[in-house]
Amino acid sequence: MTFTAGGCRDLRHHMNNPKVIEAFGKLISGRSGYMPIIEKRQEQLICSDCKHALIGDEKFCPECGAKVEKK
């Protein structure tokens, strides 16, 4: 287990666990059986050459024409 400054831990690997979702639903609603919708963010793609923000489905940057390589 890795700890960072301030005692924060990366718990994203627990997001899809049904028990965690159920506990979170009970915590925010005060009742059991509540199923929260957990928003999953996608990281913004940025052109490595010109730093232009990309939508995500481009093969080439519309600003400078550089090939977009997804990680």
C-alpha atoms as a PDB file:
ATOM      1  CA  MET A   1       0.000   0.000   0.000  1.00  0.00           C
ATOM      2  CA  THR A   2       1.369   3.385  -0.970  1.00  0.00           C
ATOM      3  CA  PHE A   3       0.767   6.495   1.116  1.00  0.00           C
ATOM      4  CA  THR A   4       1.175  10.020  -0.155  1.00  0.00           C
ATOM      5  CA  ALA A   5       1.615  13.332   1.644  1.00  0.00           C
ATOM      6  CA  GLY A   6      -1.305  14.125   3.908  1.00  0.00           C
ATOM      7  CA  GLY A   7      -2.360  10.488   4.273  1.00  0.00           C
ATOM      8  CA  CYS A   8      -4.335  10.407   1.026  1.00  0.00           C
ATOM      9  CA  ARG A   9      -4.687   7.005  -0.622  1.00  0.00           C
ATOM     10  CA  ASP A  10      -5.604   6.150  -4.203  1.00  0.00           C
ATOM     11  CA  LEU A  11      -8.801   4.109  -3.833  1.00  0.00           C
ATOM     12  CA  ARG A  12      -9.938   4.170  -7.477  1.00  0.00           C
ATOM     13  CA  HIS A  13      -9.424   0.413  -7.811  1.00  0.00           C
ATOM     14  CA  HIS A  14     -12.337  -0.056  -5.355  1.00  0.00           C
ATOM     15  CA  MET A  15     -14.837   1.992  -7.412  1.00  0.00           C
ATOM     16  CA  ASN A  16     -16.535  -0.972  -9.096  1.00  0.00           C
ATOM     17  CA  ASN A  17     -16.860  -3.094  -5.956  1.00  0.00           C
ATOM     18  CA  PRO A  18     -20.618  -3.640  -5.267  1.00  0.00           C
ATOM     19  CA  LYS A  19     -20.104  -3.476  -1.482  1.00  0.00           C
ATOM     20  CA  VAL A  20     -18.369  -0.097  -1.773  1.00  0.00           C
ATOM     21  CA  ILE A  21     -21.159   1.235  -4.011  1.00  0.00           C
ATOM     22  CA  GLU A  22     -23.798   0.011  -1.543  1.00  0.00           C
ATOM     23  CA  ALA A  23     -21.967   1.550   1.446  1.00  0.00           C
ATOM     24  CA  PHE A  24     -21.520   4.850  -0.401  1.00  0.00           C
ATOM     25  CA  GLY A  25     -25.222   4.882  -1.318  1.00  0.00           C
ATOM     26  CA  LYS A  26     -26.192   4.343   2.305  1.00  0.00           C
ATOM     27  CA  LEU A  27     -23.765   7.036   3.445  1.00  0.00           C
ATOM     28  CA  ILE A  28     -25.091   9.742   1.117  1.00  0.00           C
ATOM     29  CA  SER A  29     -28.803   8.866   1.309  1.00  0.00           C
ATOM     30  CA  GLY A  30     -29.159   7.617   4.871  1.00  0.00           C
ATOM     31  CA  ARG A  31     -31.005   4.464   3.755  1.00  0.00           C
ATOM     32  CA  SER A  32     -29.998   1.117   2.318  1.00  0.00           C
ATOM     33  CA  GLY A  33     -30.808   0.111  -1.211  1.00  0.00           C
ATOM     34  CA  TYR A  34     -29.896   3.496  -2.716  1.00  0.00           C
ATOM     35  CA  MET A  35     -27.668   3.052  -5.777  1.00  0.00           C
ATOM     36  CA  PRO A  36     -25.543   6.130  -6.484  1.00  0.00           C
ATOM     37  CA  ILE A  37     -24.339   6.993  -9.954  1.00  0.00           C
ATOM     38  CA  ILE A  38     -20.579   7.343  -9.817  1.00  0.00           C
ATOM     39  CA  GLU A  39     -19.219   9.597 -12.544  1.00  0.00           C
ATOM     40  CA  LYS A  40     -16.034   8.347 -14.133  1.00  0.00           C
ATOM     41  CA  ARG A  41     -13.877  11.082 -15.571  1.00  0.00           C
ATOM     42  CA  GLN A  42     -11.743  10.728 -18.631  1.00  0.00           C
ATOM     43  CA  GLU A  43      -8.460  12.538 -18.811  1.00  0.00           C
ATOM     44  CA  GLN A  44      -8.318  15.316 -21.394  1.00  0.00           C
ATOM     45  CA  LEU A  45      -6.098  14.501 -24.352  1.00  0.00           C
ATOM     46  CA  ILE A  46      -3.616  17.202 -25.295  1.00  0.00           C
ATOM     47  CA  CYS A  47      -1.428  17.368 -28.395  1.00  0.00           C
ATOM     48  CA  SER A  48       2.171  16.680 -27.436  1.00  0.00           C
ATOM     49  CA  ASP A  49       3.470  19.199 -30.005  1.00  0.00           C
ATOM     50  CA  CYS A  50       1.244  22.299 -29.736  1.00  0.00           C
ATOM     51  CA  LYS A  51      -0.627  21.557 -26.443  1.00  0.00           C
ATOM     52  CA  HIS A  52      -4.031  21.954 -28.172  1.00  0.00           C
ATOM     53  CA  ALA A  53      -6.938  20.278 -26.309  1.00  0.00           C
ATOM     54  CA  LEU A  54      -8.308  17.318 -28.277  1.00  0.00           C
ATOM     55  CA  ILE A  55     -11.761  15.725 -28.250  1.00  0.00           C
ATOM     56  CA  GLY A  56     -10.332  12.220 -28.206  1.00  0.00           C
ATOM     57  CA  ASP A  57     -11.275  10.652 -31.532  1.00  0.00           C
ATOM     58  CA  GLU A  58      -8.772  12.504 -33.719  1.00  0.00           C
ATOM     59  CA  LYS A  59      -5.919  10.705 -35.424  1.00  0.00           C
ATOM     60  CA  PHE A  60      -4.141  13.985 -36.149  1.00  0.00           C
ATOM     61  CA  CYS A  61      -4.165  17.287 -34.281  1.00  0.00           C
ATOM     62  CA  PRO A  62      -6.495  19.768 -36.027  1.00  0.00           C
ATOM     63  CA  GLU A  63      -4.246  22.659 -34.947  1.00  0.00           C
ATOM     64  CA  CYS A  64      -0.742  21.526 -35.992  1.00  0.00           C
ATOM     65  CA  GLY A  65      -1.308  18.232 -37.851  1.00  0.00           C
ATOM     66  CA  ALA A  66       0.825  16.095 -35.544  1.00  0.00           C
ATOM     67  CA  LYS A  67      -0.126  12.435 -35.178  1.00  0.00           C
ATOM     68  CA  VAL A  68      -2.083  11.807 -31.958  1.00  0.00           C
ATOM     69  CA  GLU A  69      -0.760   8.882 -29.944  1.00  0.00           C
ATOM     70  CA  LYS A  70      -3.067   7.626 -27.210  1.00  0.00           C
ATOM     71  CA  LYS A  71      -1.462   6.111 -24.115  1.00  0.00           C
END
